[in-house]
Amino acid sequence: MEILIAEPSGFCFGVKRSIDMVEKAIAEKKPNIQIFGPIVHNPQQIKALEDKGVKMVNSIEEIQPGTVFIRAHGISPKVFQQLKSKQEVELIDATCPFVKVEQENAKKLSEESYQVIIIGEKNHPEALGAQGFAEGSIIIGTVEEARALKEVPKIGVVVQTTLEPEAVDKIVAELYHKAKEIRVYNTICQSTKMRQPAARNIAEKADLMIVVGGKNSGNTRRLAEVCSRIKPTHHIETAVELKKEWFKGVSKVGISAGASTPDFIINEVVNAIKNMDSDHVK
């Protein structure tokens, strides 16, 4: 069975940078390392950090004296100030630089009196963090939500960095009916722009697609959606989820992985597919 791996797959620049920053803090033996929310959307990577003594905290009240990292997805200015005010805490900002650009653009548009629209997932930490930079901003994720907006003089748009460009194009097209002036900052990151077409290209060549990454990872879910439009696709987190019956009659297997999927998980999946009689596959 031939295995085709989409490139890029696995850690994007922003995720790798965030993980490297935490690993550096571990190597330097910084005290009581904590991350405010999951630093990336991958349970296996989170567990790998927890095994090294890193703690995940989900509320400001949980934070103890020591070292606190801001997750790759970023946070709102209000939450940043609350974290900064904590006593005996070294605050380290691991926000992805591309997310920073999204935040800065949202702030700029708000200051210039645009109705800021954030195209993204309503409950995603990146979109919620960006919303904190623009008072009165609205998060939408569908054409229907765009259609339901009231008309305003000026609309300014920023985009969650991991969205599918084609889906964003349709939403933006609908927004043109809602204002006389529209300014759009296409803040989809370069990794996303490369990753989805790469996955699509592999899906066209393969008989079956395996998309690897956290079930809570929006960008991984979108990769699975892209691939499923072309070939049978399974979204898994680890090799133990693979099933032999998926591969019956399959000669070419395509693999793509989300931006927060570590290499060791991808390698385990590849090796399990190569060794279909191993205990990894049910």
C-alpha atoms as a PDB file:
ATOM      1  CA  MET A   1       0.000   0.000   0.000  1.00  0.00           C
ATOM      2  CA  GLU A   2       1.454   3.327  -1.074  1.00  0.00           C
ATOM      3  CA  ILE A   3       1.307   6.185   1.430  1.00  0.00           C
ATOM      4  CA  LEU A   4       1.126   9.786   0.182  1.00  0.00           C
ATOM      5  CA  ILE A   5       1.742  12.553   2.724  1.00  0.00           C
ATOM      6  CA  ALA A   6       0.547  16.090   2.060  1.00  0.00           C
ATOM      7  CA  GLU A   7       3.142  18.815   2.531  1.00  0.00           C
ATOM      8  CA  PRO A   8       2.886  20.812   4.650  1.00  0.00           C
ATOM      9  CA  SER A   9       1.457  18.615   7.391  1.00  0.00           C
ATOM     10  CA  GLY A  10       1.875  18.949  11.117  1.00  0.00           C
ATOM     11  CA  PHE A  11       3.058  21.967  13.077  1.00  0.00           C
ATOM     12  CA  CYS A  12       2.690  25.333  11.406  1.00  0.00           C
ATOM     13  CA  PHE A  13       5.108  28.157  12.177  1.00  0.00           C
ATOM     14  CA  GLY A  14       2.965  29.673  14.933  1.00  0.00           C
ATOM     15  CA  VAL A  15       2.370  26.388  16.746  1.00  0.00           C
ATOM     16  CA  LYS A  16       6.021  25.308  16.503  1.00  0.00           C
ATOM     17  CA  ARG A  17       7.096  28.696  17.840  1.00  0.00           C
ATOM     18  CA  SER A  18       4.735  28.400  20.817  1.00  0.00           C
ATOM     19  CA  ILE A  19       5.797  24.843  21.669  1.00  0.00           C
ATOM     20  CA  ASP A  20       9.480  25.770  21.296  1.00  0.00           C
ATOM     21  CA  MET A  21       8.979  28.659  23.734  1.00  0.00           C
ATOM     22  CA  VAL A  22       7.495  26.320  26.332  1.00  0.00           C
ATOM     23  CA  GLU A  23      10.221  23.715  25.765  1.00  0.00           C
ATOM     24  CA  LYS A  24      12.842  26.435  26.253  1.00  0.00           C
ATOM     25  CA  ALA A  25      11.221  27.411  29.551  1.00  0.00           C
ATOM     26  CA  ILE A  26      11.293  23.759  30.638  1.00  0.00           C
ATOM     27  CA  ALA A  27      14.986  23.487  29.717  1.00  0.00           C
ATOM     28  CA  GLU A  28      15.719  26.660  31.674  1.00  0.00           C
ATOM     29  CA  LYS A  29      13.850  25.181  34.663  1.00  0.00           C
ATOM     30  CA  LYS A  30      11.532  28.156  34.980  1.00  0.00           C
ATOM     31  CA  PRO A  31       9.322  27.805  38.054  1.00  0.00           C
ATOM     32  CA  ASN A  32       5.800  26.379  37.953  1.00  0.00           C
ATOM     33  CA  ILE A  33       5.161  26.603  34.199  1.00  0.00           C
ATOM     34  CA  GLN A  34       1.475  27.131  33.414  1.00  0.00           C
ATOM     35  CA  ILE A  35      -0.369  27.678  30.131  1.00  0.00           C
ATOM     36  CA  PHE A  36      -3.537  29.752  30.091  1.00  0.00           C
ATOM     37  CA  GLY A  37      -5.798  27.405  28.140  1.00  0.00           C
ATOM     38  CA  PRO A  38      -4.509  24.627  25.845  1.00  0.00           C
ATOM     39  CA  ILE A  39      -1.502  26.122  24.042  1.00  0.00           C
ATOM     40  CA  VAL A  40      -2.581  24.227  20.904  1.00  0.00           C
ATOM     41  CA  HIS A  41      -5.618  22.122  20.003  1.00  0.00           C
ATOM     42  CA  ASN A  42      -3.996  18.709  20.277  1.00  0.00           C
ATOM     43  CA  PRO A  43      -4.570  16.512  23.350  1.00  0.00           C
ATOM     44  CA  GLN A  44      -1.483  14.377  22.723  1.00  0.00           C
ATOM     45  CA  GLN A  45       0.832  17.401  22.546  1.00  0.00           C
ATOM     46  CA  ILE A  46      -0.786  18.796  25.697  1.00  0.00           C
ATOM     47  CA  LYS A  47      -0.187  15.479  27.494  1.00  0.00           C
ATOM     48  CA  ALA A  48       3.457  15.475  26.344  1.00  0.00           C
ATOM     49  CA  LEU A  49       3.920  18.879  27.999  1.00  0.00           C
ATOM     50  CA  GLU A  50       2.008  17.850  31.115  1.00  0.00           C
ATOM     51  CA  ASP A  51       4.289  14.823  31.427  1.00  0.00           C
ATOM     52  CA  LYS A  52       7.148  17.333  31.716  1.00  0.00           C
ATOM     53  CA  GLY A  53       5.416  19.142  34.556  1.00  0.00           C
ATOM     54  CA  VAL A  54       3.602  21.876  32.627  1.00  0.00           C
ATOM     55  CA  LYS A  55       0.132  22.734  33.952  1.00  0.00           C
ATOM     56  CA  MET A  56      -2.885  23.813  31.909  1.00  0.00           C
ATOM     57  CA  VAL A  57      -5.074  26.405  33.644  1.00  0.00           C
ATOM     58  CA  ASN A  58      -8.438  27.525  32.344  1.00  0.00           C
ATOM     59  CA  SER A  59      -9.213  30.459  34.613  1.00  0.00           C
ATOM     60  CA  ILE A  60      -7.299  33.397  36.052  1.00  0.00           C
ATOM     61  CA  GLU A  61      -8.233  32.212  39.547  1.00  0.00           C
ATOM     62  CA  GLU A  62      -6.317  28.947  39.001  1.00  0.00           C
ATOM     63  CA  ILE A  63      -3.025  30.714  38.258  1.00  0.00           C
ATOM     64  CA  GLN A  64      -0.326  30.315  40.889  1.00  0.00           C
ATOM     65  CA  PRO A  65       3.003  32.187  41.267  1.00  0.00           C
ATOM     66  CA  GLY A  66       5.427  31.094  38.565  1.00  0.00           C
ATOM     67  CA  THR A  67       5.553  31.245  34.771  1.00  0.00           C
ATOM     68  CA  VAL A  68       2.411  31.715  32.654  1.00  0.00           C
ATOM     69  CA  PHE A  69       2.216  31.349  28.875  1.00  0.00           C
ATOM     70  CA  ILE A  70      -0.424  32.943  26.671  1.00  0.00           C
ATOM     71  CA  ARG A  71      -1.603  30.314  24.207  1.00  0.00           C
ATOM     72  CA  ALA A  72      -0.906  30.418  20.458  1.00  0.00           C
ATOM     73  CA  HIS A  73      -4.517  31.480  19.791  1.00  0.00           C
ATOM     74  CA  GLY A  74      -4.065  34.752  21.700  1.00  0.00           C
ATOM     75  CA  ILE A  75      -6.311  36.482  24.237  1.00  0.00           C
ATOM     76  CA  SER A  76      -8.184  39.770  24.532  1.00  0.00           C
ATOM     77  CA  PRO A  77      -6.499  42.925  25.921  1.00  0.00           C
ATOM     78  CA  LYS A  78      -8.776  42.755  28.965  1.00  0.00           C
ATOM     79  CA  VAL A  79      -7.666  39.239  29.849  1.00  0.00           C
ATOM     80  CA  PHE A  80      -4.033  40.174  29.130  1.00  0.00           C
ATOM     81  CA  GLN A  81      -4.208  42.977  31.691  1.00  0.00           C
ATOM     82  CA  GLN A  82      -5.812  40.661  34.230  1.00  0.00           C
ATOM     83  CA  LEU A  83      -2.993  38.167  33.769  1.00  0.00           C
ATOM     84  CA  LYS A  84      -0.373  40.913  33.906  1.00  0.00           C
ATOM     85  CA  SER A  85      -1.719  42.093  37.251  1.00  0.00           C
ATOM     86  CA  LYS A  86      -1.174  38.706  38.899  1.00  0.00           C
ATOM     87  CA  GLN A  87       1.452  38.825  41.612  1.00  0.00           C
ATOM     88  CA  GLU A  88       4.715  36.858  41.322  1.00  0.00           C
ATOM     89  CA  VAL A  89       3.950  35.765  37.773  1.00  0.00           C
ATOM     90  CA  GLU A  90       6.244  35.965  34.727  1.00  0.00           C
ATOM     91  CA  LEU A  91       3.922  36.361  31.744  1.00  0.00           C
ATOM     92  CA  ILE A  92       5.221  35.061  28.389  1.00  0.00           C
ATOM     93  CA  ASP A  93       3.216  35.797  25.247  1.00  0.00           C
ATOM     94  CA  ALA A  94       3.249  32.813  22.866  1.00  0.00           C
ATOM     95  CA  THR A  95       0.516  34.215  20.601  1.00  0.00           C
ATOM     96  CA  CYS A  96       1.087  33.274  16.953  1.00  0.00           C
ATOM     97  CA  PRO A  97       2.466  36.319  15.069  1.00  0.00           C
ATOM     98  CA  PHE A  98      -0.194  35.859  12.372  1.00  0.00           C
ATOM     99  CA  VAL A  99      -2.898  36.001  15.034  1.00  0.00           C
ATOM    100  CA  LYS A 100      -1.265  39.205  16.299  1.00  0.00           C
ATOM    101  CA  VAL A 101      -1.763  40.741  12.852  1.00  0.00           C
ATOM    102  CA  GLU A 102      -5.438  39.772  12.949  1.00  0.00           C
ATOM    103  CA  GLN A 103      -5.787  41.402  16.382  1.00  0.00           C
ATOM    104  CA  GLU A 104      -4.005  44.590  15.308  1.00  0.00           C
ATOM    105  CA  ASN A 105      -6.153  44.907  12.186  1.00  0.00           C
ATOM    106  CA  ALA A 106      -9.341  44.437  14.210  1.00  0.00           C
ATOM    107  CA  LYS A 107      -8.195  47.196  16.561  1.00  0.00           C
ATOM    108  CA  LYS A 108      -7.297  49.518  13.677  1.00  0.00           C
ATOM    109  CA  LEU A 109     -10.655  49.027  11.968  1.00  0.00           C
ATOM    110  CA  SER A 110     -12.517  49.688  15.202  1.00  0.00           C
ATOM    111  CA  GLU A 111     -10.558  52.890  15.810  1.00  0.00           C
ATOM    112  CA  GLU A 112     -11.501  54.029  12.295  1.00  0.00           C
ATOM    113  CA  SER A 113     -15.213  53.568  13.055  1.00  0.00           C
ATOM    114  CA  TYR A 114     -15.817  50.445  10.979  1.00  0.00           C
ATOM    115  CA  GLN A 115     -18.323  47.859  12.131  1.00  0.00           C
ATOM    116  CA  VAL A 116     -15.819  45.068  12.657  1.00  0.00           C
ATOM    117  CA  ILE A 117     -16.819  41.631  11.434  1.00  0.00           C
ATOM    118  CA  ILE A 118     -14.636  38.686  12.435  1.00  0.00           C
ATOM    119  CA  ILE A 119     -15.153  35.746  10.110  1.00  0.00           C
ATOM    120  CA  GLY A 120     -14.494  32.752  12.286  1.00  0.00           C
ATOM    121  CA  GLU A 121     -15.869  30.192  14.711  1.00  0.00           C
ATOM    122  CA  LYS A 122     -17.988  31.778  17.421  1.00  0.00           C
ATOM    123  CA  ASN A 123     -16.494  29.800  20.302  1.00  0.00           C
ATOM    124  CA  HIS A 124     -12.927  29.575  19.011  1.00  0.00           C
ATOM    125  CA  PRO A 125     -10.371  31.226  21.351  1.00  0.00           C
ATOM    126  CA  GLU A 126      -8.654  32.992  18.444  1.00  0.00           C
ATOM    127  CA  ALA A 127     -11.856  34.659  17.249  1.00  0.00           C
ATOM    128  CA  LEU A 128     -12.897  35.523  20.809  1.00  0.00           C
ATOM    129  CA  GLY A 129      -9.478  37.017  21.508  1.00  0.00           C
ATOM    130  CA  ALA A 130      -9.613  39.137  18.356  1.00  0.00           C
ATOM    131  CA  GLN A 131     -13.098  40.296  19.300  1.00  0.00           C
ATOM    132  CA  GLY A 132     -11.640  41.838  22.439  1.00  0.00           C
ATOM    133  CA  PHE A 133      -9.612  44.255  20.284  1.00  0.00           C
ATOM    134  CA  ALA A 134     -12.688  45.763  18.625  1.00  0.00           C
ATOM    135  CA  GLU A 135     -15.574  46.891  20.807  1.00  0.00           C
ATOM    136  CA  GLY A 136     -18.917  45.906  19.330  1.00  0.00           C
ATOM    137  CA  SER A 137     -17.378  43.522  16.819  1.00  0.00           C
ATOM    138  CA  ILE A 138     -19.407  40.549  15.571  1.00  0.00           C
ATOM    139  CA  ILE A 139     -18.204  37.009  14.872  1.00  0.00           C
ATOM    140  CA  ILE A 140     -19.883  35.244  11.951  1.00  0.00           C
ATOM    141  CA  GLY A 141     -19.086  31.937  10.290  1.00  0.00           C
ATOM    142  CA  THR A 142     -21.669  31.419   7.553  1.00  0.00           C
ATOM    143  CA  VAL A 143     -23.227  33.132   4.550  1.00  0.00           C
ATOM    144  CA  GLU A 144     -26.584  32.978   6.332  1.00  0.00           C
ATOM    145  CA  GLU A 145     -25.187  34.909   9.301  1.00  0.00           C
ATOM    146  CA  ALA A 146     -23.750  37.509   6.932  1.00  0.00           C
ATOM    147  CA  ARG A 147     -27.102  37.812   5.206  1.00  0.00           C
ATOM    148  CA  ALA A 148     -28.842  38.421   8.536  1.00  0.00           C
ATOM    149  CA  LEU A 149     -26.646  41.423   9.446  1.00  0.00           C
ATOM    150  CA  LYS A 150     -28.082  44.921   9.437  1.00  0.00           C
ATOM    151  CA  GLU A 151     -26.829  47.418   6.871  1.00  0.00           C
ATOM    152  CA  VAL A 152     -24.238  49.873   8.197  1.00  0.00           C
ATOM    153  CA  PRO A 153     -22.148  52.628   6.548  1.00  0.00           C
ATOM    154  CA  LYS A 154     -18.774  50.872   6.898  1.00  0.00           C
ATOM    155  CA  ILE A 155     -17.753  47.256   7.456  1.00  0.00           C
ATOM    156  CA  GLY A 156     -14.233  46.137   8.289  1.00  0.00           C
ATOM    157  CA  VAL A 157     -13.370  42.439   8.104  1.00  0.00           C
ATOM    158  CA  VAL A 158     -10.674  40.260   9.637  1.00  0.00           C
ATOM    159  CA  VAL A 159     -10.503  36.481   9.305  1.00  0.00           C
ATOM    160  CA  GLN A 160      -9.604  33.666  11.676  1.00  0.00           C
ATOM    161  CA  THR A 161      -6.211  32.490  10.443  1.00  0.00           C
ATOM    162  CA  THR A 162      -7.164  28.852   9.809  1.00  0.00           C
ATOM    163  CA  LEU A 163     -10.362  29.192   7.777  1.00  0.00           C
ATOM    164  CA  GLU A 164     -10.962  27.747   4.333  1.00  0.00           C
ATOM    165  CA  PRO A 165     -10.393  30.579   1.804  1.00  0.00           C
ATOM    166  CA  GLU A 166     -13.245  29.521  -0.471  1.00  0.00           C
ATOM    167  CA  ALA A 167     -15.738  29.639   2.404  1.00  0.00           C
ATOM    168  CA  VAL A 168     -14.486  33.084   3.425  1.00  0.00           C
ATOM    169  CA  ASP A 169     -14.863  34.358  -0.137  1.00  0.00           C
ATOM    170  CA  LYS A 170     -18.580  33.473  -0.103  1.00  0.00           C
ATOM    171  CA  ILE A 171     -19.142  35.266   3.209  1.00  0.00           C
ATOM    172  CA  VAL A 172     -17.279  38.370   2.054  1.00  0.00           C
ATOM    173  CA  ALA A 173     -19.326  38.423  -1.155  1.00  0.00           C
ATOM    174  CA  GLU A 174     -22.507  38.546   0.945  1.00  0.00           C
ATOM    175  CA  LEU A 175     -21.091  41.363   3.099  1.00  0.00           C
ATOM    176  CA  TYR A 176     -20.827  43.587   0.025  1.00  0.00           C
ATOM    177  CA  HIS A 177     -24.608  43.979   0.244  1.00  0.00           C
ATOM    178  CA  LYS A 178     -24.405  45.275   3.819  1.00  0.00           C
ATOM    179  CA  ALA A 179     -22.369  48.491   3.516  1.00  0.00           C
ATOM    180  CA  LYS A 180     -21.302  51.164   1.051  1.00  0.00           C
ATOM    181  CA  GLU A 181     -17.703  50.816   2.172  1.00  0.00           C
ATOM    182  CA  ILE A 182     -15.987  47.524   3.003  1.00  0.00           C
ATOM    183  CA  ARG A 183     -12.386  46.953   3.992  1.00  0.00           C
ATOM    184  CA  VAL A 184     -11.185  43.358   4.185  1.00  0.00           C
ATOM    185  CA  TYR A 185      -7.973  42.169   5.799  1.00  0.00           C
ATOM    186  CA  ASN A 186      -7.373  38.630   4.596  1.00  0.00           C
ATOM    187  CA  THR A 187      -5.673  37.330   7.725  1.00  0.00           C
ATOM    188  CA  ILE A 188      -5.743  33.658   6.751  1.00  0.00           C
ATOM    189  CA  CYS A 189      -2.159  32.565   7.367  1.00  0.00           C
ATOM    190  CA  GLN A 190       0.146  31.277   4.648  1.00  0.00           C
ATOM    191  CA  SER A 191       0.324  27.804   6.181  1.00  0.00           C
ATOM    192  CA  THR A 192      -3.446  27.420   5.856  1.00  0.00           C
ATOM    193  CA  LYS A 193      -3.372  28.681   2.271  1.00  0.00           C
ATOM    194  CA  MET A 194      -0.761  26.014   1.458  1.00  0.00           C
ATOM    195  CA  ARG A 195      -2.089  23.173   3.633  1.00  0.00           C
ATOM    196  CA  GLN A 196      -5.630  22.904   2.274  1.00  0.00           C
ATOM    197  CA  PRO A 197      -4.659  22.822  -1.444  1.00  0.00           C
ATOM    198  CA  ALA A 198      -1.922  20.290  -0.588  1.00  0.00           C
ATOM    199  CA  ALA A 199      -4.461  18.050   1.139  1.00  0.00           C
ATOM    200  CA  ARG A 200      -6.832  18.442  -1.810  1.00  0.00           C
ATOM    201  CA  ASN A 201      -4.080  17.483  -4.240  1.00  0.00           C
ATOM    202  CA  ILE A 202      -3.227  14.319  -2.300  1.00  0.00           C
ATOM    203  CA  ALA A 203      -6.923  13.395  -1.991  1.00  0.00           C
ATOM    204  CA  GLU A 204      -7.251  13.504  -5.766  1.00  0.00           C
ATOM    205  CA  LYS A 205      -4.433  10.946  -6.087  1.00  0.00           C
ATOM    206  CA  ALA A 206      -5.361   8.647  -3.184  1.00  0.00           C
ATOM    207  CA  ASP A 207      -8.126   6.070  -2.716  1.00  0.00           C
ATOM    208  CA  LEU A 208      -8.586   6.966   0.958  1.00  0.00           C
ATOM    209  CA  MET A 209      -7.639   9.951   3.125  1.00  0.00           C
ATOM    210  CA  ILE A 210      -6.580   9.902   6.768  1.00  0.00           C
ATOM    211  CA  VAL A 211      -6.544  13.324   8.412  1.00  0.00           C
ATOM    212  CA  VAL A 212      -4.613  13.396  11.680  1.00  0.00           C
ATOM    213  CA  GLY A 213      -5.176  15.910  14.460  1.00  0.00           C
ATOM    214  CA  GLY A 214      -7.155  16.946  17.500  1.00  0.00           C
ATOM    215  CA  LYS A 215     -10.923  16.543  17.277  1.00  0.00           C
ATOM    216  CA  ASN A 216     -11.055  19.992  18.907  1.00  0.00           C
ATOM    217  CA  SER A 217      -8.853  21.504  16.192  1.00  0.00           C
ATOM    218  CA  GLY A 218     -10.796  23.693  13.780  1.00  0.00           C
ATOM    219  CA  ASN A 219      -8.126  23.675  11.086  1.00  0.00           C
ATOM    220  CA  THR A 220      -7.910  19.865  11.209  1.00  0.00           C
ATOM    221  CA  ARG A 221     -11.684  19.536  10.878  1.00  0.00           C
ATOM    222  CA  ARG A 222     -11.557  21.787   7.833  1.00  0.00           C
ATOM    223  CA  LEU A 223      -8.842  19.620   6.256  1.00  0.00           C
ATOM    224  CA  ALA A 224     -11.114  16.619   6.769  1.00  0.00           C
ATOM    225  CA  GLU A 225     -14.026  18.514   5.208  1.00  0.00           C
ATOM    226  CA  VAL A 226     -11.911  19.477   2.185  1.00  0.00           C
ATOM    227  CA  CYS A 227     -10.715  15.896   1.670  1.00  0.00           C
ATOM    228  CA  SER A 228     -14.134  14.306   2.238  1.00  0.00           C
ATOM    229  CA  ARG A 229     -15.520  16.201  -0.757  1.00  0.00           C
ATOM    230  CA  ILE A 230     -13.081  14.261  -2.935  1.00  0.00           C
ATOM    231  CA  LYS A 231     -12.447  10.834  -1.356  1.00  0.00           C
ATOM    232  CA  PRO A 232     -13.575   8.737   1.643  1.00  0.00           C
ATOM    233  CA  THR A 233     -11.933  10.429   4.642  1.00  0.00           C
ATOM    234  CA  HIS A 234     -11.405   9.581   8.314  1.00  0.00           C
ATOM    235  CA  HIS A 235     -10.369  12.189  10.912  1.00  0.00           C
ATOM    236  CA  ILE A 236      -8.365  10.533  13.695  1.00  0.00           C
ATOM    237  CA  GLU A 237      -6.289  11.765  16.604  1.00  0.00           C
ATOM    238  CA  THR A 238      -3.983   8.743  16.973  1.00  0.00           C
ATOM    239  CA  ALA A 239      -3.067   5.462  15.315  1.00  0.00           C
ATOM    240  CA  VAL A 240      -5.235   3.416  17.687  1.00  0.00           C
ATOM    241  CA  GLU A 241      -8.332   4.721  15.892  1.00  0.00           C
ATOM    242  CA  LEU A 242      -7.341   3.133  12.574  1.00  0.00           C
ATOM    243  CA  LYS A 243      -9.525   0.217  11.439  1.00  0.00           C
ATOM    244  CA  LYS A 244      -8.466  -2.502   8.996  1.00  0.00           C
ATOM    245  CA  GLU A 245     -11.757  -2.444   7.112  1.00  0.00           C
ATOM    246  CA  TRP A 246     -11.076   1.114   5.954  1.00  0.00           C
ATOM    247  CA  PHE A 247      -8.175  -0.114   3.867  1.00  0.00           C
ATOM    248  CA  LYS A 248      -9.858  -3.010   2.048  1.00  0.00           C
ATOM    249  CA  GLY A 249      -9.131  -2.665  -1.656  1.00  0.00           C
ATOM    250  CA  VAL A 250      -7.087   0.519  -1.093  1.00  0.00           C
ATOM    251  CA  SER A 251      -3.806   0.830  -2.970  1.00  0.00           C
ATOM    252  CA  LYS A 252      -3.002   4.487  -2.170  1.00  0.00           C
ATOM    253  CA  VAL A 253      -3.562   6.132   1.215  1.00  0.00           C
ATOM    254  CA  GLY A 254      -3.269   9.894   1.592  1.00  0.00           C
ATOM    255  CA  ILE A 255      -2.344  11.515   4.890  1.00  0.00           C
ATOM    256  CA  SER A 256      -2.781  15.125   5.939  1.00  0.00           C
ATOM    257  CA  ALA A 257      -2.374  16.584   9.409  1.00  0.00           C
ATOM    258  CA  GLY A 258      -3.546  19.694  11.195  1.00  0.00           C
ATOM    259  CA  ALA A 259      -1.356  22.625  12.137  1.00  0.00           C
ATOM    260  CA  SER A 260      -1.221  21.509  15.774  1.00  0.00           C
ATOM    261  CA  THR A 261      -0.412  17.837  15.123  1.00  0.00           C
ATOM    262  CA  PRO A 262       3.066  16.828  16.358  1.00  0.00           C
ATOM    263  CA  ASP A 263       5.371  14.804  14.108  1.00  0.00           C
ATOM    264  CA  PHE A 264       5.468  11.860  16.510  1.00  0.00           C
ATOM    265  CA  ILE A 265       1.712  11.350  16.082  1.00  0.00           C
ATOM    266  CA  ILE A 266       1.969  11.525  12.272  1.00  0.00           C
ATOM    267  CA  ASN A 267       4.860   9.032  12.300  1.00  0.00           C
ATOM    268  CA  GLU A 268       2.891   6.610  14.495  1.00  0.00           C
ATOM    269  CA  VAL A 269      -0.004   6.720  12.038  1.00  0.00           C
ATOM    270  CA  VAL A 270       2.272   6.150   9.047  1.00  0.00           C
ATOM    271  CA  ASN A 271       3.996   3.201  10.742  1.00  0.00           C
ATOM    272  CA  ALA A 272       0.653   1.671  11.786  1.00  0.00           C
ATOM    273  CA  ILE A 273      -0.617   1.804   8.215  1.00  0.00           C
ATOM    274  CA  LYS A 274       2.616   0.222   6.995  1.00  0.00           C
ATOM    275  CA  ASN A 275       2.201  -2.568   9.534  1.00  0.00           C
ATOM    276  CA  MET A 276      -1.486  -3.344   9.349  1.00  0.00           C
ATOM    277  CA  ASP A 277      -1.075  -6.486  11.454  1.00  0.00           C
ATOM    278  CA  SER A 278       0.280  -4.518  14.407  1.00  0.00           C
ATOM    279  CA  ASP A 279      -1.689  -3.957  17.589  1.00  0.00           C
ATOM    280  CA  HIS A 280      -2.177  -0.323  16.578  1.00  0.00           C
ATOM    281  CA  VAL A 281      -4.927  -1.277  14.154  1.00  0.00           C
ATOM    282  CA  LYS A 282      -8.197  -2.815  15.326  1.00  0.00           C
END
